[in-house]
Protein backbone atom coordinates (compact mmCIF):
# COMPACT_ATOMS: atom_id res chain seq x y z
CA MET A 1 -11.25 4.02 22.53
CA PRO A 2 -8.61 5.76 25.24
CA ALA A 3 -7.22 9.20 24.05
CA GLN A 4 -3.96 7.77 24.04
CA LEU A 5 -4.84 5.30 21.17
CA LEU A 6 -6.27 8.03 19.55
CA ASP A 7 -3.22 10.10 19.31
CA HIS A 8 -0.90 7.40 18.47
CA PRO A 9 0.85 7.89 15.43
CA ALA A 10 -0.59 4.66 13.60
CA ARG A 11 -3.76 6.14 13.32
CA ARG A 12 -2.23 9.45 11.82
CA ALA A 13 -2.95 9.96 8.01
CA PRO A 14 -0.65 8.14 5.72
CA THR A 15 2.46 8.94 4.08
CA ALA A 16 3.81 7.53 1.01
CA ALA A 17 5.36 4.34 0.82
CA ARG A 18 8.28 3.42 2.64
CA LEU A 19 11.32 1.72 0.75
CA TRP A 20 13.88 0.01 2.63
CA ILE A 21 17.53 1.14 0.61
CA PRO A 22 20.58 -1.23 1.92
CA LYS A 23 23.67 0.31 2.58
CA HIS A 24 25.53 -2.88 1.48
CA VAL A 25 25.05 -5.22 -1.38
CA LEU A 26 27.01 -8.41 -1.46
CA VAL A 27 27.09 -10.65 -3.85
CA THR A 28 28.30 -14.66 -4.04
CA ARG A 29 30.23 -16.04 -6.87
CA SER A 30 27.74 -18.28 -7.78
CA ALA A 31 24.61 -15.97 -7.86
CA ALA A 32 26.85 -13.52 -9.88
CA GLY A 33 26.71 -15.23 -13.41
CA LEU A 34 22.91 -15.52 -13.11
CA PRO A 35 20.04 -13.56 -15.16
CA HIS A 36 18.17 -12.84 -12.34
CA THR A 37 21.49 -11.33 -10.26
CA ALA A 38 21.79 -8.90 -13.51
CA GLU A 39 18.15 -7.49 -12.70
CA ILE A 40 18.50 -6.81 -9.32
CA LEU A 41 22.28 -5.28 -9.22
CA ARG A 42 20.32 -2.78 -11.85
CA ARG A 43 17.59 -1.84 -9.07
CA VAL A 44 20.11 -1.31 -6.39
CA ALA A 45 22.28 0.88 -8.45
CA ALA A 46 19.06 2.60 -9.30
CA HIS A 47 18.40 3.36 -5.92
CA GLY A 48 21.75 4.73 -5.22
CA VAL A 49 23.43 2.05 -3.43
CA ALA A 50 26.88 2.01 -4.13
CA ASP A 51 28.45 -0.12 -1.77
CA ILE A 52 28.09 -3.54 -3.78
CA ARG A 53 30.93 -5.97 -4.06
CA VAL A 54 30.94 -9.13 -6.13
CA LEU A 55 32.85 -12.22 -3.55
CA THR A 56 35.06 -14.30 -4.62
CA SER A 57 33.37 -17.56 -2.94
CA ASP A 58 29.77 -17.89 -1.90
CA ARG A 59 30.82 -17.46 1.54
CA LEU A 60 29.57 -14.13 3.23
CA PRO A 61 31.95 -12.42 5.14
CA THR A 62 31.91 -12.69 9.10
CA ALA A 63 31.79 -9.67 11.13
CA PRO A 64 34.87 -8.12 12.35
CA LYS A 65 35.77 -9.33 16.08
CA ASP A 66 35.77 -6.36 17.91
CA GLU A 67 31.91 -5.54 16.83
CA SER A 68 29.18 -5.24 19.33
CA GLU A 69 26.48 -7.55 19.14
CA ARG A 70 24.47 -4.41 18.81
CA GLU A 71 26.96 -3.09 16.01
CA ALA A 72 26.95 -6.27 14.18
CA TYR A 73 23.24 -6.48 14.17
CA ALA A 74 23.19 -3.17 12.72
CA ARG A 75 25.53 -4.12 10.02
CA ALA A 76 23.82 -7.00 8.87
CA LYS A 77 20.19 -5.23 8.67
CA ALA A 78 21.96 -2.86 6.35
CA THR A 79 23.22 -5.71 4.38
CA MET A 80 21.40 -6.92 1.32
CA ALA A 81 23.34 -10.57 -0.16
CA VAL A 82 22.63 -12.10 -3.30
CA VAL A 83 23.02 -15.78 -3.31
CA VAL A 84 22.16 -19.05 -4.90
CA ALA A 85 19.16 -21.09 -2.84
CA PRO A 86 20.59 -24.14 -1.71
CA PRO A 87 18.76 -27.70 -2.95
CA SER A 88 17.66 -27.65 0.94
CA ALA A 89 16.05 -24.63 0.00
CA LEU A 90 14.47 -25.76 -3.50
CA LYS A 91 12.72 -28.27 -1.43
CA PRO A 92 9.58 -26.90 -0.80
CA GLN A 93 7.85 -28.15 2.77
CA PRO A 94 4.56 -28.12 3.90
CA ILE A 95 3.06 -24.58 6.22
CA PRO A 96 0.16 -25.40 7.71
CA PRO A 97 -2.30 -23.89 8.49
CA SER A 98 -1.26 -21.01 5.67
CA ALA A 99 -1.19 -22.62 2.88
CA ASP A 100 0.12 -26.49 0.88
CA TRP A 101 3.75 -25.65 0.46
CA ARG A 102 6.43 -22.81 1.02
CA LEU A 103 8.61 -21.61 -1.52
CA ASP A 104 11.54 -18.86 -0.15
CA LEU A 105 12.32 -16.00 -2.45
CA ALA A 106 14.44 -14.59 0.49
CA ARG A 107 15.76 -15.20 3.67
CA GLY A 108 15.62 -12.68 5.54
CA CYS A 109 13.88 -9.42 6.26
CA PRO A 110 14.58 -5.52 6.36
CA ALA A 111 12.27 -4.39 9.06
CA HIS A 112 12.89 -4.17 12.96
CA CYS A 113 9.77 -5.80 14.67
CA GLN A 114 10.97 -6.39 18.15
CA TYR A 115 8.95 -9.84 18.32
CA CYS A 116 10.60 -11.34 15.12
CA TYR A 117 9.92 -14.84 14.14
CA LEU A 118 13.02 -15.19 12.46
CA ALA A 119 15.05 -14.90 15.35
CA GLY A 120 14.56 -18.02 16.50
CA SER A 121 13.94 -19.35 12.83
CA LEU A 122 17.41 -18.35 11.15
CA SER A 123 20.80 -18.88 11.76
CA GLY A 124 23.66 -15.98 11.77
CA PRO A 125 23.15 -12.74 11.35
CA PRO A 126 20.26 -11.02 10.03
CA VAL A 127 21.43 -10.64 6.63
CA THR A 128 18.58 -10.35 3.87
CA ARG A 129 19.44 -13.08 1.66
CA VAL A 130 17.95 -12.63 -1.97
CA HIS A 131 17.93 -16.12 -4.24
CA ALA A 132 19.29 -15.27 -7.61
CA ASN A 133 18.20 -18.65 -9.05
CA LEU A 134 14.38 -17.04 -9.20
CA ASP A 135 13.57 -20.09 -11.87
CA GLU A 136 14.53 -22.87 -9.49
CA VAL A 137 12.46 -21.44 -6.48
CA LEU A 138 9.16 -21.02 -8.89
CA ALA A 139 9.56 -24.53 -10.69
CA PRO A 140 7.95 -26.93 -8.06
CA ILE A 141 4.88 -24.74 -8.23
CA ALA A 142 4.30 -26.90 -12.16
CA THR A 143 4.78 -30.15 -10.01
CA LEU A 144 3.24 -29.84 -6.61
CA THR A 145 0.42 -28.25 -7.72
CA GLY A 146 -2.86 -30.35 -7.42
CA THR A 147 -1.35 -31.79 -4.11
CA GLY A 148 -1.17 -30.68 -0.57
CA SER A 149 -2.92 -30.61 2.64
CA VAL A 150 -4.35 -27.37 3.81
CA THR A 151 -6.23 -25.95 0.94
CA THR A 152 -6.05 -28.72 -1.65
CA GLY A 153 -9.35 -30.25 -1.84
CA ASN A 154 -10.21 -28.64 1.13
CA ALA A 155 -13.92 -27.59 1.73
CA LEU A 156 -13.19 -24.19 3.34
CA ARG A 157 -10.37 -22.85 1.27
CA GLY A 158 -10.47 -25.54 -2.06
CA ASP A 159 -11.29 -22.51 -4.18
CA GLU A 160 -7.45 -21.13 -3.62
CA GLY A 161 -6.45 -24.32 -5.29
CA THR A 162 -3.08 -25.25 -4.42
CA THR A 163 -1.45 -22.61 -2.13
CA PHE A 164 2.14 -21.59 -2.36
CA GLU A 165 2.88 -19.13 0.81
CA LEU A 166 5.99 -16.73 -0.12
CA SER A 167 6.41 -15.19 3.04
CA CYS A 168 7.06 -17.69 5.27
CA TYR A 169 10.81 -16.31 5.58
CA THR A 170 10.84 -13.09 4.48
CA ASP A 171 8.55 -9.98 3.80
CA PRO A 172 9.00 -10.09 -0.21
CA LEU A 173 7.13 -6.66 -0.98
CA GLY A 174 9.70 -5.09 1.40
CA ILE A 175 12.22 -6.33 -0.54
CA GLU A 176 10.27 -6.54 -4.21
CA HIS A 177 11.56 -2.66 -5.28
CA LEU A 178 15.43 -4.32 -4.96
CA THR A 179 14.67 -7.72 -7.02
CA GLY A 180 11.47 -7.75 -9.12
CA ALA A 181 10.97 -11.49 -7.75
CA LEU A 182 7.66 -10.91 -6.41
CA ALA A 183 5.99 -9.67 -9.64
CA THR A 184 7.82 -12.42 -11.82
CA ALA A 185 5.91 -14.95 -9.72
CA ILE A 186 2.49 -13.54 -9.69
CA GLU A 187 2.77 -12.89 -13.39
CA ARG A 188 3.71 -16.36 -13.92
CA VAL A 189 1.00 -17.99 -11.83
CA GLY A 190 -1.34 -15.08 -13.10
CA THR A 191 -0.80 -16.38 -16.54
CA GLY A 192 -0.67 -19.73 -16.21
CA ARG A 193 2.74 -20.47 -17.15
CA TYR A 194 2.95 -23.62 -14.19
CA GLY A 195 -0.57 -24.37 -15.45
CA ASP A 196 -3.91 -24.05 -13.78
CA GLY A 197 -5.27 -24.74 -10.08
CA ALA A 198 -2.17 -22.91 -8.65
CA SER A 199 -2.19 -19.67 -6.39
CA LEU A 200 0.26 -17.87 -4.48
CA ARG A 201 0.01 -15.82 -1.15
CA PHE A 202 2.28 -13.63 1.11
CA THR A 203 1.86 -11.23 4.29
CA THR A 204 3.68 -7.63 4.37
CA LYS A 205 3.60 -4.63 6.60
CA PHE A 206 5.26 -2.43 3.92
CA ASP A 207 2.58 -0.68 1.19
CA ALA A 208 5.12 -0.01 -1.83
CA VAL A 209 1.83 -1.69 -4.01
CA GLU A 210 2.30 0.25 -6.75
CA PRO A 211 4.23 -2.09 -9.16
CA LEU A 212 1.98 -4.53 -8.29
CA LEU A 213 -1.36 -3.06 -9.53
CA ALA A 214 -1.25 -3.24 -13.32
CA LEU A 215 0.36 -6.63 -13.19
CA ARG A 216 -1.68 -9.74 -14.83
CA HIS A 217 -2.20 -11.62 -11.62
CA GLY A 218 -5.60 -13.63 -12.89
CA GLY A 219 -6.62 -13.51 -9.69
CA ARG A 220 -4.41 -16.05 -8.02
CA THR A 221 -2.03 -14.15 -5.76
CA ARG A 222 -3.75 -13.24 -2.24
CA ILE A 223 -1.87 -10.00 -0.59
CA ARG A 224 -2.52 -10.39 3.05
CA PHE A 225 -1.54 -7.41 5.09
CA SER A 226 0.12 -7.78 8.69
CA VAL A 227 -2.05 -5.32 11.01
CA ASN A 228 -2.16 -5.41 14.60
CA ALA A 229 -3.34 -2.51 17.47
CA ALA A 230 -1.59 0.84 17.52
CA GLU A 231 -0.09 -0.74 21.31
CA VAL A 232 1.59 -3.52 19.62
CA GLU A 233 2.37 -1.54 16.13
CA ARG A 234 5.34 0.47 18.08
CA PHE A 235 7.17 -2.71 18.46
CA GLU A 236 7.29 -3.03 14.50
CA GLY A 237 10.09 -0.44 13.36
CA GLY A 238 11.53 -0.14 10.24
CA THR A 239 7.83 -0.73 8.68
CA ALA A 240 4.71 1.25 7.09
CA ARG A 241 2.44 2.43 9.79
CA MET A 242 -0.72 1.08 9.70
CA PRO A 243 -2.82 3.53 7.44
CA ALA A 244 -0.77 3.47 4.95
CA ARG A 245 -0.66 -0.56 5.01
CA ILE A 246 -4.97 -0.31 5.29
CA ASP A 247 -4.42 2.04 2.26
CA ALA A 248 -2.20 -0.50 0.33
CA LEU A 249 -4.97 -3.41 1.02
CA ARG A 250 -7.70 -0.82 -0.37
CA ARG A 251 -5.71 -0.34 -3.59
CA VAL A 252 -4.68 -3.94 -3.92
CA ALA A 253 -8.14 -5.23 -3.54
CA ALA A 254 -9.78 -2.55 -5.97
CA ALA A 255 -7.03 -4.12 -8.70
CA GLY A 256 -8.49 -7.16 -8.37
CA TYR A 257 -6.60 -9.31 -5.89
CA PRO A 258 -7.68 -11.42 -3.25
CA VAL A 259 -6.32 -9.92 0.45
CA GLY A 260 -6.01 -10.89 3.52
CA LEU A 261 -5.30 -9.77 7.33
CA THR A 262 -2.95 -11.28 9.11
CA ILE A 263 -3.49 -9.88 12.38
CA ALA A 264 -0.38 -11.09 14.53
CA PRO A 265 1.03 -10.93 16.70
CA VAL A 266 -1.78 -10.39 19.05
CA MET A 267 -1.33 -9.06 22.64
CA PRO A 268 -3.99 -8.45 25.47
CA VAL A 269 -2.79 -5.26 25.81
CA ASP A 270 -5.15 -2.69 28.27
CA GLY A 271 -8.31 -2.15 26.29
CA TRP A 272 -7.27 -4.72 23.61
CA GLN A 273 -10.82 -5.06 22.83
CA GLU A 274 -10.89 -1.27 21.73
CA ALA A 275 -7.76 -1.18 20.29
CA TYR A 276 -8.51 -4.10 17.86
CA GLY A 277 -12.21 -3.06 17.34
CA ARG A 278 -10.98 0.30 16.17
CA LEU A 279 -7.83 -1.49 13.81
CA LEU A 280 -11.14 -3.77 11.98
CA ASP A 281 -12.98 -0.63 11.78
CA ASP A 282 -10.49 0.88 10.09
CA VAL A 283 -9.97 -1.98 7.67
CA ALA A 284 -14.14 -1.96 7.20
CA ALA A 285 -13.80 1.67 6.10
CA ALA A 286 -11.15 1.17 3.68
CA LEU A 287 -12.77 -1.30 2.01
CA SER A 288 -16.10 -0.29 2.03
CA THR A 289 -15.88 1.38 -1.61
CA VAL A 290 -14.16 -1.95 -2.95
CA PRO A 291 -17.13 -4.10 -4.33
CA ALA A 292 -16.86 -7.99 -4.12
CA VAL A 293 -13.77 -7.92 -2.28
CA ASP A 294 -12.26 -11.24 -1.37
CA LEU A 295 -10.65 -10.97 2.00
CA THR A 296 -9.84 -13.51 4.33
CA ALA A 297 -8.49 -13.03 8.16
CA GLU A 298 -5.84 -15.08 10.13
CA VAL A 299 -5.26 -14.38 13.54
CA ILE A 300 -1.72 -14.87 15.17
CA THR A 301 -1.47 -14.70 18.71
CA HIS A 302 1.96 -13.60 19.98
CA ARG A 303 4.75 -16.53 21.35
CA PHE A 304 8.14 -17.16 21.68
CA THR A 305 10.79 -19.79 22.47
CA PRO A 306 13.80 -19.83 24.75
CA ALA A 307 16.35 -18.82 21.54
CA SER A 308 14.06 -16.53 20.00
CA LYS A 309 13.90 -14.67 23.53
CA GLN A 310 17.94 -14.75 23.65
CA VAL A 311 18.49 -13.59 20.13
CA LEU A 312 15.76 -10.36 20.53
CA GLU A 313 17.49 -9.36 23.82
CA GLY A 314 20.38 -9.10 22.58
CA TRP A 315 19.20 -7.35 19.46
CA TYR A 316 16.80 -4.72 21.29
CA PRO A 317 18.53 -4.76 25.10
CA ARG A 318 15.73 -1.84 25.89
CA THR A 319 13.03 -3.59 24.66
CA LYS A 320 9.90 -3.37 26.53
CA LEU A 321 8.32 -6.14 24.69
CA GLU A 322 6.38 -8.85 27.43
CA MET A 323 8.30 -12.46 27.37
CA ASP A 324 8.21 -13.20 30.71
CA GLU A 325 8.19 -17.07 30.80
CA THR A 326 6.05 -16.83 34.48
CA VAL A 327 3.38 -15.72 32.88
CA ARG A 328 2.69 -17.69 30.10
CA SER A 329 1.76 -21.23 29.52
CA VAL A 330 4.47 -23.68 27.68
CA LYS A 331 3.29 -25.30 24.62
CA ARG A 332 5.46 -28.08 22.99
CA SER A 333 5.71 -29.89 19.64
CA LYS A 334 5.93 -33.29 18.55
CA PHE A 335 9.61 -32.61 17.99
CA GLY A 336 10.20 -31.69 21.84
CA GLY A 337 10.24 -27.92 20.77
CA VAL A 338 8.70 -25.52 23.51
CA LYS A 339 6.92 -22.37 22.65
CA TYR A 340 5.58 -19.69 25.65
CA VAL A 341 2.15 -19.02 24.87
CA TYR A 342 -0.70 -16.75 26.91
CA PRO A 343 -2.44 -19.10 29.67
CA ARG A 344 -5.62 -20.93 28.31
CA GLU A 345 -7.97 -18.42 29.71
CA THR A 346 -6.21 -15.66 27.74
CA MET A 347 -6.46 -17.59 24.95
CA ARG A 348 -9.89 -18.11 24.99
CA GLU A 349 -10.93 -15.07 25.86
CA LEU A 350 -8.56 -13.98 22.76
CA ARG A 351 -10.49 -16.68 20.46
CA ALA A 352 -13.69 -16.09 21.14
CA TRP A 353 -13.64 -12.26 21.05
CA PHE A 354 -12.20 -11.96 17.26
CA GLU A 355 -14.84 -15.26 16.45
CA HIS A 356 -17.35 -13.31 16.60
CA GLU A 357 -15.72 -9.38 16.05
CA VAL A 358 -13.90 -10.65 12.59
CA PRO A 359 -17.09 -11.40 10.89
CA ALA A 360 -19.55 -9.12 12.69
CA ARG A 361 -17.06 -5.89 11.57
CA LEU A 362 -16.06 -7.31 7.78
CA PRO A 363 -16.81 -8.89 4.95
CA ALA A 364 -14.09 -11.73 5.82
CA ARG A 365 -13.85 -15.49 6.14
CA LEU A 366 -12.13 -16.46 9.02
CA LEU A 367 -9.29 -18.91 8.32
CA TYR A 368 -7.53 -19.78 11.49
CA GLN A 369 -6.27 -18.80 14.62
CA THR A 370 -3.49 -19.91 16.59
């Protein structure tokens, strides 16, 4: 292991859980009277948020005209909006290869990842919008259980039942101390409120898992931690450090949760085999005392779109993140969308390494690689 990796901050001792506290909280008119909004406002007030505004409409205020793109980004990232999920967000969509269906507890994330996938997926300033109509968001679980094409009836993953992804457009643990929505979802599914056969899954870069440990989860929520090599973690601002995430993984596994690793975005940095090998070994050591751990792994390589690159370079003008189209291959979706991925030979090398090393170093099922 190179000396610079051994001394990287990501390899030092974990610290206390890192909580995001917004400077500004906006509540739309339609959300103001909902029961879940009252709980959110109680939580944000308890965390010392002073700027809480109830709006007279459902439209969020626009940025001042004299505000620069960077200033607009900073303000948006310090703002949480309590909104009502629109009908379009209440209609679950398939989300392969992760899960059968996607449910959105929120849209937007408080972290500052310089490769942020949401940059090309969500329009407008990156305000974290939490959904106050929680009952409506979760209601489709009851009607969709038993349907789906990813885990439902699948030979490899059929034991998961019908799966519902909670982290497609947010990091639900990163805002849980302000919303309580994640605990509500976990207990409702865990106690069979929506019937049997459903399970939840989400990915996080945060470590504030204490409120989840004693929940009646019934083994029906898989908590996955987004993990990476130290040289990539430096692009993940505002998140829990890697040792803290790995320790949080150990704690939820010890509490009986199925757990997982989302190794993403994988980048072929100098010495990447050693760096990712060290990461897998750190996870193995942390889980070595947890009996009968149920661990999965998902491996996702870095990619970007023309739109996401433009947004990210506006947000992070001094980023050192490689987004050079000339050294990438073009991948087109069936709808004509363009993504820039690593060249075929690089992808082949990465895939072969993880396919061998994940099961060799960890008691884990490798679900997929992209």
